[in-house]
PDB file of N, CA and C in Angstrom:
ATOM      1  N   MET A   1      66.598 126.226 156.645  1.00  0.00           N
ATOM      2  CA  MET A   1      67.936 126.881 156.337  1.00  0.00           C
ATOM      3  C   MET A   1      67.896 126.586 154.571  1.00  0.00           C
ATOM      4  N   ALA A   2      68.235 127.353 153.837  1.00  0.00           N
ATOM      5  CA  ALA A   2      68.246 127.220 152.349  1.00  0.00           C
ATOM      6  C   ALA A   2      69.615 127.708 151.944  1.00  0.00           C
ATOM      7  N   PHE A   3      69.943 127.101 150.851  1.00  0.00           N
ATOM      8  CA  PHE A   3      71.183 127.221 150.119  1.00  0.00           C
ATOM      9  C   PHE A   3      70.967 127.491 148.796  1.00  0.00           C
ATOM     10  N   GLY A   4      71.617 128.500 148.044  1.00  0.00           N
ATOM     11  CA  GLY A   4      71.593 128.870 146.698  1.00  0.00           C
ATOM     12  C   GLY A   4      72.298 129.985 146.419  1.00  0.00           C
ATOM     13  N   MET A   5      72.444 130.099 145.074  1.00  0.00           N
ATOM     14  CA  MET A   5      73.368 131.055 144.466  1.00  0.00           C
ATOM     15  C   MET A   5      72.695 131.987 143.961  1.00  0.00           C
ATOM     16  N   ILE A   6      72.961 133.478 144.259  1.00  0.00           N
ATOM     17  CA  ILE A   6      72.231 134.451 143.618  1.00  0.00           C
ATOM     18  C   ILE A   6      73.412 135.236 142.606  1.00  0.00           C
ATOM     19  N   SER A   7      73.129 135.449 141.208  1.00  0.00           N
ATOM     20  CA  SER A   7      74.025 135.903 140.371  1.00  0.00           C
ATOM     21  C   SER A   7      73.163 137.416 139.892  1.00  0.00           C
ATOM     22  N   THR A   8      74.121 138.318 139.685  1.00  0.00           N
ATOM     23  CA  THR A   8      73.652 139.693 139.343  1.00  0.00           C
ATOM     24  C   THR A   8      73.783 139.552 137.922  1.00  0.00           C
ATOM     25  N   ARG A   9      74.099 138.746 137.263  1.00  0.00           N
ATOM     26  CA  ARG A   9      74.149 138.790 135.805  1.00  0.00           C
ATOM     27  C   ARG A   9      72.937 138.411 135.182  1.00  0.00           C
ATOM     28  N   ALA A  10      72.336 139.106 134.221  1.00  0.00           N
ATOM     29  CA  ALA A  10      71.160 138.724 133.643  1.00  0.00           C
ATOM     30  C   ALA A  10      71.589 137.793 132.351  1.00  0.00           C
ATOM     31  N   PHE A  11      70.820 136.762 132.271  1.00  0.00           N
ATOM     32  CA  PHE A  11      71.256 135.816 131.149  1.00  0.00           C
ATOM     33  C   PHE A  11      70.067 135.985 130.118  1.00  0.00           C
ATOM     34  N   SER A  12      70.447 136.026 128.659  1.00  0.00           N
ATOM     35  CA  SER A  12      69.718 135.982 127.900  1.00  0.00           C
ATOM     36  C   SER A  12      69.634 134.522 127.176  1.00  0.00           C
ATOM     37  N   ALA A  13      68.588 134.071 126.432  1.00  0.00           N
ATOM     38  CA  ALA A  13      68.254 132.490 126.044  1.00  0.00           C
ATOM     39  C   ALA A  13      69.335 132.484 124.768  1.00  0.00           C
ATOM     40  N   ALA A  14      69.314 133.828 123.806  1.00  0.00           N
ATOM     41  CA  ALA A  14      70.079 133.573 122.569  1.00  0.00           C
ATOM     42  C   ALA A  14      71.615 133.629 122.868  1.00  0.00           C
ATOM     43  N   GLU A  15      71.961 134.149 124.182  1.00  0.00           N
ATOM     44  CA  GLU A  15      73.392 134.048 124.433  1.00  0.00           C
ATOM     45  C   GLU A  15      73.992 132.663 124.803  1.00  0.00           C
ATOM     46  N   ASP A  16      73.166 132.104 125.374  1.00  0.00           N
ATOM     47  CA  ASP A  16      73.598 130.782 125.939  1.00  0.00           C
ATOM     48  C   ASP A  16      73.307 129.634 125.107  1.00  0.00           C
ATOM     49  N   LEU A  17      72.696 129.586 123.997  1.00  0.00           N
ATOM     50  CA  LEU A  17      72.431 128.538 123.143  1.00  0.00           C
ATOM     51  C   LEU A  17      73.839 128.228 122.119  1.00  0.00           C
ATOM     52  N   TYR A  18      74.012 127.059 122.147  1.00  0.00           N
ATOM     53  CA  TYR A  18      75.086 126.534 121.217  1.00  0.00           C
ATOM     54  C   TYR A  18      74.983 126.795 119.857  1.00  0.00           C
ATOM     55  N   ASN A  19      75.907 127.325 119.256  1.00  0.00           N
ATOM     56  CA  ASN A  19      75.775 127.644 117.669  1.00  0.00           C
ATOM     57  C   ASN A  19      76.334 126.571 117.031  1.00  0.00           C
ATOM     58  N   SER A  20      75.704 125.693 116.351  1.00  0.00           N
ATOM     59  CA  SER A  20      76.394 124.580 115.598  1.00  0.00           C
ATOM     60  C   SER A  20      76.408 124.909 114.017  1.00  0.00           C
ATOM     61  N   HIS A  21      76.339 126.078 113.683  1.00  0.00           N
ATOM     62  CA  HIS A  21      76.358 126.438 112.278  1.00  0.00           C
ATOM     63  C   HIS A  21      77.633 126.221 111.586  1.00  0.00           C
ATOM     64  N   GLY A  22      77.754 125.493 110.778  1.00  0.00           N
ATOM     65  CA  GLY A  22      79.301 125.061 110.123  1.00  0.00           C
ATOM     66  C   GLY A  22      80.042 124.101 110.812  1.00  0.00           C
ATOM     67  N   LYS A  23      79.327 123.403 111.731  1.00  0.00           N
ATOM     68  CA  LYS A  23      80.000 122.346 112.594  1.00  0.00           C
ATOM     69  C   LYS A  23      79.617 121.109 112.390  1.00  0.00           C
ATOM     70  N   ARG A  24      80.188 119.955 112.477  1.00  0.00           N
ATOM     71  CA  ARG A  24      79.864 118.687 112.473  1.00  0.00           C
ATOM     72  C   ARG A  24      78.938 118.253 113.459  1.00  0.00           C
ATOM     73  N   ASP A  25      77.863 117.542 113.291  1.00  0.00           N
ATOM     74  CA  ASP A  25      77.168 117.031 114.447  1.00  0.00           C
ATOM     75  C   ASP A  25      77.767 116.103 115.031  1.00  0.00           C
ATOM     76  N   PRO A  26      78.297 116.040 116.477  1.00  0.00           N
ATOM     77  CA  PRO A  26      79.024 115.120 117.273  1.00  0.00           C
ATOM     78  C   PRO A  26      78.320 113.706 117.269  1.00  0.00           C
ATOM     79  N   PHE A  27      76.909 113.819 117.125  1.00  0.00           N
ATOM     80  CA  PHE A  27      75.917 112.690 117.455  1.00  0.00           C
ATOM     81  C   PHE A  27      75.885 111.824 116.179  1.00  0.00           C
ATOM     82  N   MET A  28      76.297 112.501 115.191  1.00  0.00           N
ATOM     83  CA  MET A  28      76.134 111.484 113.858  1.00  0.00           C
ATOM     84  C   MET A  28      77.579 110.890 113.640  1.00  0.00           C
ATOM     85  N   PRO A  29      77.425 109.476 113.362  1.00  0.00           N
ATOM     86  CA  PRO A  29      78.694 108.923 113.085  1.00  0.00           C
ATOM     87  C   PRO A  29      79.172 109.326 111.772  1.00  0.00           C
ATOM     88  N   LEU A  30      80.614 109.147 111.894  1.00  0.00           N
ATOM     89  CA  LEU A  30      81.428 109.419 110.577  1.00  0.00           C
ATOM     90  C   LEU A  30      81.152 108.437 109.509  1.00  0.00           C
ATOM     91  N   VAL A  31      81.097 107.235 109.881  1.00  0.00           N
ATOM     92  CA  VAL A  31      80.978 106.283 108.897  1.00  0.00           C
ATOM     93  C   VAL A  31      80.025 105.243 109.477  1.00  0.00           C
ATOM     94  N   SER A  32      78.882 104.764 108.657  1.00  0.00           N
ATOM     95  CA  SER A  32      78.029 103.831 109.346  1.00  0.00           C
ATOM     96  C   SER A  32      77.760 102.406 108.337  1.00  0.00           C
ATOM     97  N   LEU A  33      77.196 101.575 108.799  1.00  0.00           N
ATOM     98  CA  LEU A  33      76.914 100.469 107.955  1.00  0.00           C
ATOM     99  C   LEU A  33      75.702 100.827 107.100  1.00  0.00           C
ATOM    100  N   THR A  34      74.933 101.629 107.223  1.00  0.00           N
ATOM    101  CA  THR A  34      73.879 101.898 106.244  1.00  0.00           C
ATOM    102  C   THR A  34      74.404 102.908 105.120  1.00  0.00           C
ATOM    103  N   SER A  35      75.761 103.097 105.182  1.00  0.00           N
ATOM    104  CA  SER A  35      76.344 103.858 103.832  1.00  0.00           C
ATOM    105  C   SER A  35      77.011 102.886 102.911  1.00  0.00           C
ATOM    106  N   ARG A  36      76.527 101.443 103.073  1.00  0.00           N
ATOM    107  CA  ARG A  36      76.958 100.463 102.169  1.00  0.00           C
ATOM    108  C   ARG A  36      76.498 100.834 100.707  1.00  0.00           C
ATOM    109  N   GLU A  37      75.330 101.247 100.576  1.00  0.00           N
ATOM    110  CA  GLU A  37      74.624 101.278  99.407  1.00  0.00           C
ATOM    111  C   GLU A  37      74.713 102.996  99.099  1.00  0.00           C
ATOM    112  N   SER A  38      75.755 103.637  99.317  1.00  0.00           N
ATOM    113  CA  SER A  38      75.620 105.211  99.249  1.00  0.00           C
ATOM    114  C   SER A  38      75.781 105.387  97.777  1.00  0.00           C
ATOM    115  N   PRO A  39      75.316 106.441  97.365  1.00  0.00           N
ATOM    116  CA  PRO A  39      75.151 106.810  95.734  1.00  0.00           C
ATOM    117  C   PRO A  39      76.728 107.099  95.517  1.00  0.00           C
ATOM    118  N   GLY A  40      77.719 107.358  96.138  1.00  0.00           N
ATOM    119  CA  GLY A  40      79.140 107.597  95.923  1.00  0.00           C
ATOM    120  C   GLY A  40      79.661 106.556  95.156  1.00  0.00           C
ATOM    121  N   LEU A  41      79.240 105.349  95.125  1.00  0.00           N
ATOM    122  CA  LEU A  41      79.791 104.204  94.219  1.00  0.00           C
ATOM    123  C   LEU A  41      79.075 103.949  92.939  1.00  0.00           C
ATOM    124  N   LEU A  42      77.750 104.477  92.853  1.00  0.00           N
ATOM    125  CA  LEU A  42      76.829 104.228  91.784  1.00  0.00           C
ATOM    126  C   LEU A  42      77.558 104.713  90.582  1.00  0.00           C
ATOM    127  N   GLY A  43      78.165 105.874  90.498  1.00  0.00           N
ATOM    128  CA  GLY A  43      78.367 106.502  89.203  1.00  0.00           C
ATOM    129  C   GLY A  43      79.904 106.259  88.888  1.00  0.00           C
ATOM    130  N   VAL A  44      80.455 105.243  89.541  1.00  0.00           N
ATOM    131  CA  VAL A  44      82.022 104.921  89.427  1.00  0.00           C
ATOM    132  C   VAL A  44      82.143 104.313  88.075  1.00  0.00           C
ATOM    133  N   GLN A  45      83.024 104.778  87.165  1.00  0.00           N
ATOM    134  CA  GLN A  45      83.187 104.221  85.619  1.00  0.00           C
ATOM    135  C   GLN A  45      84.645 103.500  85.714  1.00  0.00           C
ATOM    136  N   ASN A  46      85.778 103.893  86.418  1.00  0.00           N
ATOM    137  CA  ASN A  46      87.074 103.339  86.488  1.00  0.00           C
ATOM    138  C   ASN A  46      87.695 103.706  87.800  1.00  0.00           C
ATOM    139  N   VAL A  47      88.692 103.039  88.193  1.00  0.00           N
ATOM    140  CA  VAL A  47      89.352 103.052  89.411  1.00  0.00           C
ATOM    141  C   VAL A  47      89.832 104.391  89.904  1.00  0.00           C
ATOM    142  N   GLU A  48      90.116 105.417  88.862  1.00  0.00           N
ATOM    143  CA  GLU A  48      90.267 106.898  89.214  1.00  0.00           C
ATOM    144  C   GLU A  48      89.172 107.695  89.943  1.00  0.00           C
ATOM    145  N   ASP A  49      88.102 107.095  89.776  1.00  0.00           N
ATOM    146  CA  ASP A  49      86.751 107.607  90.325  1.00  0.00           C
ATOM    147  C   ASP A  49      86.789 107.347  91.719  1.00  0.00           C
ATOM    148  N   LEU A  50      87.490 106.424  92.162  1.00  0.00           N
ATOM    149  CA  LEU A  50      87.513 105.949  93.647  1.00  0.00           C
ATOM    150  C   LEU A  50      88.241 106.729  94.592  1.00  0.00           C
ATOM    151  N   GLU A  51      87.912 107.220  95.686  1.00  0.00           N
ATOM    152  CA  GLU A  51      88.408 108.031  96.616  1.00  0.00           C
ATOM    153  C   GLU A  51      88.492 107.041  97.977  1.00  0.00           C
ATOM    154  N   MET A  52      89.789 106.743  98.279  1.00  0.00           N
ATOM    155  CA  MET A  52      89.765 105.920  99.679  1.00  0.00           C
ATOM    156  C   MET A  52      89.744 106.741 100.923  1.00  0.00           C
ATOM    157  N   GLN A  53      89.205 106.337 101.749  1.00  0.00           N
ATOM    158  CA  GLN A  53      88.955 107.180 102.921  1.00  0.00           C
ATOM    159  C   GLN A  53      89.708 106.403 104.072  1.00  0.00           C
ATOM    160  N   GLY A  54      89.761 105.128 104.011  1.00  0.00           N
ATOM    161  CA  GLY A  54      90.640 104.332 105.001  1.00  0.00           C
ATOM    162  C   GLY A  54      90.389 102.711 104.787  1.00  0.00           C
ATOM    163  N   VAL A  55      91.306 102.007 105.573  1.00  0.00           N
ATOM    164  CA  VAL A  55      91.195 100.358 105.604  1.00  0.00           C
ATOM    165  C   VAL A  55      91.456 100.241 106.928  1.00  0.00           C
ATOM    166  N   VAL A  56      90.493  99.228 107.482  1.00  0.00           N
ATOM    167  CA  VAL A  56      90.553  98.423 108.706  1.00  0.00           C
ATOM    168  C   VAL A  56      91.126  97.135 108.435  1.00  0.00           C
ATOM    169  N   TYR A  57      92.361  96.734 108.518  1.00  0.00           N
ATOM    170  CA  TYR A  57      92.978  95.529 108.230  1.00  0.00           C
ATOM    171  C   TYR A  57      92.966  94.547 109.347  1.00  0.00           C
ATOM    172  N   ASP A  58      92.145  93.470 109.370  1.00  0.00           N
ATOM    173  CA  ASP A  58      92.164  92.285 110.349  1.00  0.00           C
ATOM    174  C   ASP A  58      91.890  91.084 109.555  1.00  0.00           C
ATOM    175  N   PRO A  59      93.038  90.521 109.280  1.00  0.00           N
ATOM    176  CA  PRO A  59      93.058  89.026 108.564  1.00  0.00           C
ATOM    177  C   PRO A  59      92.152  88.018 109.414  1.00  0.00           C
ATOM    178  N   LYS A  60      92.093  88.052 110.674  1.00  0.00           N
ATOM    179  CA  LYS A  60      91.272  87.180 111.354  1.00  0.00           C
ATOM    180  C   LYS A  60      89.999  87.369 111.390  1.00  0.00           C
ATOM    181  N   LYS A  61      89.273  88.373 111.698  1.00  0.00           N
ATOM    182  CA  LYS A  61      87.795  88.756 111.809  1.00  0.00           C
ATOM    183  C   LYS A  61      87.326  89.394 110.543  1.00  0.00           C
ATOM    184  N   GLY A  62      88.231  89.895 109.559  1.00  0.00           N
ATOM    185  CA  GLY A  62      87.542  90.351 108.239  1.00  0.00           C
ATOM    186  C   GLY A  62      88.108  91.823 108.154  1.00  0.00           C
ATOM    187  N   SER A  63      88.512  92.196 106.936  1.00  0.00           N
ATOM    188  CA  SER A  63      88.902  93.429 106.754  1.00  0.00           C
ATOM    189  C   SER A  63      87.936  94.215 106.078  1.00  0.00           C
ATOM    190  N   ILE A  64      87.938  95.696 106.282  1.00  0.00           N
ATOM    191  CA  ILE A  64      86.862  96.521 105.638  1.00  0.00           C
ATOM    192  C   ILE A  64      87.758  97.607 104.867  1.00  0.00           C
ATOM    193  N   VAL A  65      87.025  98.202 103.893  1.00  0.00           N
ATOM    194  CA  VAL A  65      87.674  99.363 103.238  1.00  0.00           C
ATOM    195  C   VAL A  65      86.213 100.395 103.123  1.00  0.00           C
ATOM    196  N   ILE A  66      86.842 101.707 103.204  1.00  0.00           N
ATOM    197  CA  ILE A  66      85.992 102.833 103.205  1.00  0.00           C
ATOM    198  C   ILE A  66      86.354 103.633 102.048  1.00  0.00           C
ATOM    199  N   VAL A  67      85.674 103.463 100.908  1.00  0.00           N
ATOM    200  CA  VAL A  67      85.793 104.063  99.777  1.00  0.00           C
ATOM    201  C   VAL A  67      84.506 104.880  99.115  1.00  0.00           C
ATOM    202  N   ASN A  68      84.689 106.049  98.902  1.00  0.00           N
ATOM    203  CA  ASN A  68      83.710 107.108  98.504  1.00  0.00           C
ATOM    204  C   ASN A  68      82.553 107.084  99.464  1.00  0.00           C
ATOM    205  N   GLY A  69      83.052 107.035 100.591  1.00  0.00           N
ATOM    206  CA  GLY A  69      81.801 106.991 101.657  1.00  0.00           C
ATOM    207  C   GLY A  69      81.213 105.682 102.031  1.00  0.00           C
ATOM    208  N   SER A  70      81.469 104.669 101.261  1.00  0.00           N
ATOM    209  CA  SER A  70      81.030 103.442 101.394  1.00  0.00           C
ATOM    210  C   SER A  70      81.646 102.411 102.090  1.00  0.00           C
ATOM    211  N   VAL A  71      81.318 101.660 103.183  1.00  0.00           N
ATOM    212  CA  VAL A  71      81.883 100.502 103.723  1.00  0.00           C
ATOM    213  C   VAL A  71      81.760  98.991 103.117  1.00  0.00           C
ATOM    214  N   LEU A  72      82.782  98.578 102.707  1.00  0.00           N
ATOM    215  CA  LEU A  72      82.641  97.104 102.139  1.00  0.00           C
ATOM    216  C   LEU A  72      83.680  96.092 102.570  1.00  0.00           C
ATOM    217  N   LYS A  73      83.307  94.939 102.702  1.00  0.00           N
ATOM    218  CA  LYS A  73      84.169  93.733 102.958  1.00  0.00           C
ATOM    219  C   LYS A  73      84.832  93.195 101.646  1.00  0.00           C
ATOM    220  N   GLU A  74      85.671  92.333 101.784  1.00  0.00           N
ATOM    221  CA  GLU A  74      86.261  91.769 100.694  1.00  0.00           C
ATOM    222  C   GLU A  74      85.029  90.848  99.902  1.00  0.00           C
ATOM    223  N   GLY A  75      84.924  90.844  98.827  1.00  0.00           N
ATOM    224  CA  GLY A  75      84.008  90.218  98.087  1.00  0.00           C
ATOM    225  C   GLY A  75      82.857  90.869  97.681  1.00  0.00           C
ATOM    226  N   GLU A  76      82.436  91.909  98.533  1.00  0.00           N
ATOM    227  CA  GLU A  76      81.163  92.743  98.535  1.00  0.00           C
ATOM    228  C   GLU A  76      81.320  93.664  97.214  1.00  0.00           C
ATOM    229  N   GLU A  77      80.097  93.938  96.573  1.00  0.00           N
ATOM    230  CA  GLU A  77      80.238  94.989  95.378  1.00  0.00           C
ATOM    231  C   GLU A  77      78.960  95.858  95.431  1.00  0.00           C
ATOM    232  N   SER A  78      79.188  97.102  94.962  1.00  0.00           N
ATOM    233  CA  SER A  78      78.230  98.001  94.984  1.00  0.00           C
ATOM    234  C   SER A  78      78.307  98.738  93.814  1.00  0.00           C
ATOM    235  N   GLY A  79      77.270  98.792  92.923  1.00  0.00           N
ATOM    236  CA  GLY A  79      77.390  99.239  91.575  1.00  0.00           C
ATOM    237  C   GLY A  79      78.284  98.343  90.723  1.00  0.00           C
ATOM    238  N   SER A  80      78.970  99.130  90.152  1.00  0.00           N
ATOM    239  CA  SER A  80      80.069  98.467  89.333  1.00  0.00           C
ATOM    240  C   SER A  80      81.341  98.344  89.943  1.00  0.00           C
ATOM    241  N   VAL A  81      81.302  98.384  91.104  1.00  0.00           N
ATOM    242  CA  VAL A  81      82.769  98.385  92.025  1.00  0.00           C
ATOM    243  C   VAL A  81      82.548  96.909  92.901  1.00  0.00           C
ATOM    244  N   LYS A  82      83.650  96.087  92.807  1.00  0.00           N
ATOM    245  CA  LYS A  82      83.763  95.042  93.654  1.00  0.00           C
ATOM    246  C   LYS A  82      84.993  94.888  94.289  1.00  0.00           C
ATOM    247  N   VAL A  83      85.056  94.623  95.652  1.00  0.00           N
ATOM    248  CA  VAL A  83      86.331  94.587  96.254  1.00  0.00           C
ATOM    249  C   VAL A  83      86.902  93.095  96.341  1.00  0.00           C
ATOM    250  N   LEU A  84      88.111  92.982  95.630  1.00  0.00           N
ATOM    251  CA  LEU A  84      88.604  91.776  95.550  1.00  0.00           C
ATOM    252  C   LEU A  84      89.529  91.160  96.802  1.00  0.00           C
ATOM    253  N   LYS A  85      90.311  92.139  97.061  1.00  0.00           N
ATOM    254  CA  LYS A  85      91.425  91.961  98.218  1.00  0.00           C
ATOM    255  C   LYS A  85      91.709  93.285  98.893  1.00  0.00           C
ATOM    256  N   ILE A  86      91.847  93.020 100.213  1.00  0.00           N
ATOM    257  CA  ILE A  86      92.069  94.359 101.181  1.00  0.00           C
ATOM    258  C   ILE A  86      93.388  93.961 101.721  1.00  0.00           C
ATOM    259  N   ALA A  87      94.332  94.964 101.682  1.00  0.00           N
ATOM    260  CA  ALA A  87      95.568  94.993 102.204  1.00  0.00           C
ATOM    261  C   ALA A  87      95.785  96.139 103.242  1.00  0.00           C
ATOM    262  N   PRO A  88      96.802  96.231 104.127  1.00  0.00           N
ATOM    263  CA  PRO A  88      96.976  97.325 104.934  1.00  0.00           C
ATOM    264  C   PRO A  88      97.122  98.537 104.334  1.00  0.00           C
ATOM    265  N   GLU A  89      97.828  98.438 103.156  1.00  0.00           N
ATOM    266  CA  GLU A  89      98.403  99.733 102.451  1.00  0.00           C
ATOM    267  C   GLU A  89      97.124 100.159 101.390  1.00  0.00           C
ATOM    268  N   GLY A  90      96.193  99.376 100.999  1.00  0.00           N
ATOM    269  CA  GLY A  90      95.076  99.651 100.193  1.00  0.00           C
ATOM    270  C   GLY A  90      94.270  98.544  99.893  1.00  0.00           C
ATOM    271  N   ALA A  91      93.576  98.470  98.633  1.00  0.00           N
ATOM    272  CA  ALA A  91      92.625  97.432  98.204  1.00  0.00           C
ATOM    273  C   ALA A  91      92.563  97.244  96.925  1.00  0.00           C
ATOM    274  N   THR A  92      92.524  96.037  96.358  1.00  0.00           N
ATOM    275  CA  THR A  92      92.255  95.729  94.876  1.00  0.00           C
ATOM    276  C   THR A  92      90.957  95.806  94.581  1.00  0.00           C
ATOM    277  N   PHE A  93      90.443  96.446  93.572  1.00  0.00           N
ATOM    278  CA  PHE A  93      89.155  96.504  93.174  1.00  0.00           C
ATOM    279  C   PHE A  93      88.869  96.092  91.681  1.00  0.00           C
ATOM    280  N   LEU A  94      87.844  95.469  91.403  1.00  0.00           N
ATOM    281  CA  LEU A  94      87.400  95.249  90.022  1.00  0.00           C
ATOM    282  C   LEU A  94      86.129  96.261  89.587  1.00  0.00           C
ATOM    283  N   VAL A  95      86.540  97.126  88.724  1.00  0.00           N
ATOM    284  CA  VAL A  95      85.614  98.074  88.071  1.00  0.00           C
ATOM    285  C   VAL A  95      85.294  98.033  86.895  1.00  0.00           C
ATOM    286  N   ASN A  96      84.017  97.666  86.456  1.00  0.00           N
ATOM    287  CA  ASN A  96      83.694  97.522  85.124  1.00  0.00           C
ATOM    288  C   ASN A  96      84.697  96.427  84.381  1.00  0.00           C
ATOM    289  N   GLY A  97      84.911  95.504  85.124  1.00  0.00           N
ATOM    290  CA  GLY A  97      85.900  94.399  84.283  1.00  0.00           C
ATOM    291  C   GLY A  97      87.150  94.616  84.448  1.00  0.00           C
ATOM    292  N   VAL A  98      87.829  95.581  84.966  1.00  0.00           N
ATOM    293  CA  VAL A  98      89.184  96.129  85.167  1.00  0.00           C
ATOM    294  C   VAL A  98      89.627  95.970  86.427  1.00  0.00           C
ATOM    295  N   GLU A  99      90.613  95.022  86.668  1.00  0.00           N
ATOM    296  CA  GLU A  99      90.939  94.973  88.087  1.00  0.00           C
ATOM    297  C   GLU A  99      92.290  95.925  88.143  1.00  0.00           C
ATOM    298  N   ALA A 100      92.258  96.636  89.394  1.00  0.00           N
ATOM    299  CA  ALA A 100      93.542  97.699  89.827  1.00  0.00           C
ATOM    300  C   ALA A 100      93.592  97.911  91.493  1.00  0.00           C
ATOM    301  N   PHE A 101      94.621  98.155  91.779  1.00  0.00           N
ATOM    302  CA  PHE A 101      95.055  98.409  93.188  1.00  0.00           C
ATOM    303  C   PHE A 101      94.752  99.816  93.463  1.00  0.00           C
ATOM    304  N   LYS A 102      94.094 100.074  94.467  1.00  0.00           N
ATOM    305  CA  LYS A 102      94.133 101.619  94.997  1.00  0.00           C
ATOM    306  C   LYS A 102      94.753 101.846  96.409  1.00  0.00           C
ATOM    307  N   PRO A 103      95.692 102.496  96.394  1.00  0.00           N
ATOM    308  CA  PRO A 103      96.451 102.989  97.904  1.00  0.00           C
ATOM    309  C   PRO A 103      95.526 103.852  98.631  1.00  0.00           C
ATOM    310  N   VAL A 104      95.750 103.576  99.964  1.00  0.00           N
ATOM    311  CA  VAL A 104      95.091 104.561 100.892  1.00  0.00           C
ATOM    312  C   VAL A 104      95.885 105.819 100.830  1.00  0.00           C
ATOM    313  N   TYR A 105      97.251 105.849 100.663  1.00  0.00           N
ATOM    314  CA  TYR A 105      97.929 106.994 100.703  1.00  0.00           C
ATOM    315  C   TYR A 105      98.420 107.306  99.173  1.00  0.00           C
ATOM    316  N   GLU A 106      98.168 108.234  98.448  1.00  0.00           N
ATOM    317  CA  GLU A 106      98.824 108.383  97.136  1.00  0.00           C
ATOM    318  C   GLU A 106      99.847 109.680  97.297  1.00  0.00           C
ATOM    319  N   GLU A 107     100.890 109.466  96.593  1.00  0.00           N
ATOM    320  CA  GLU A 107     101.855 110.617  96.672  1.00  0.00           C
ATOM    321  C   GLU A 107     101.265 111.699  95.840  1.00  0.00           C
ATOM    322  N   GLU A 108     101.522 112.906  96.003  1.00  0.00           N
ATOM    323  CA  GLU A 108     101.106 113.931  95.277  1.00  0.00           C
ATOM    324  C   GLU A 108     101.776 114.241  94.113  1.00  0.00           C
ATOM    325  N   LYS A 109     101.214 114.290  93.059  1.00  0.00           N
ATOM    326  CA  LYS A 109     101.989 114.426  91.620  1.00  0.00           C
ATOM    327  C   LYS A 109     102.387 115.879  91.591  1.00  0.00           C
ATOM    328  N   LYS A 110     103.781 115.914  91.016  1.00  0.00           N
ATOM    329  CA  LYS A 110     104.570 117.041  90.744  1.00  0.00           C
ATOM    330  C   LYS A 110     103.697 118.240  89.866  1.00  0.00           C
ATOM    331  N   GLY A 111     103.848 119.355  90.441  1.00  0.00           N
ATOM    332  CA  GLY A 111     103.249 120.351  89.767  1.00  0.00           C
ATOM    333  C   GLY A 111     101.780 120.685  90.291  1.00  0.00           C
ATOM    334  N   LYS A 112     101.511 120.079  91.404  1.00  0.00           N
ATOM    335  CA  LYS A 112     100.104 120.469  92.007  1.00  0.00           C
ATOM    336  C   LYS A 112     100.564 121.078  93.188  1.00  0.00           C
TER     337      LYS A 112
END
């Protein structure tokens, strides 16, 4: 005795393939530790050139900041950018000798 299914529909290989064009690869991490030396921080001249993507705040195990695609801990530096202090609402950076706080969320400027 044999069991099976019989389909009357003919399948074409092109019809059944997943089209990933324009979609993010679900198997690629959004942020990885290999991005610590990403070129996103190498051309930074001042704090306005920094774009905050997020903060993971954990005072016991160590906080991290994600800025211009790079993952940095307090005290770490990449290019001309050094992370001085990380807080839940943002981080303090030293960029080319100038210290400045960059919040995670910035209010939209009027007129934009």
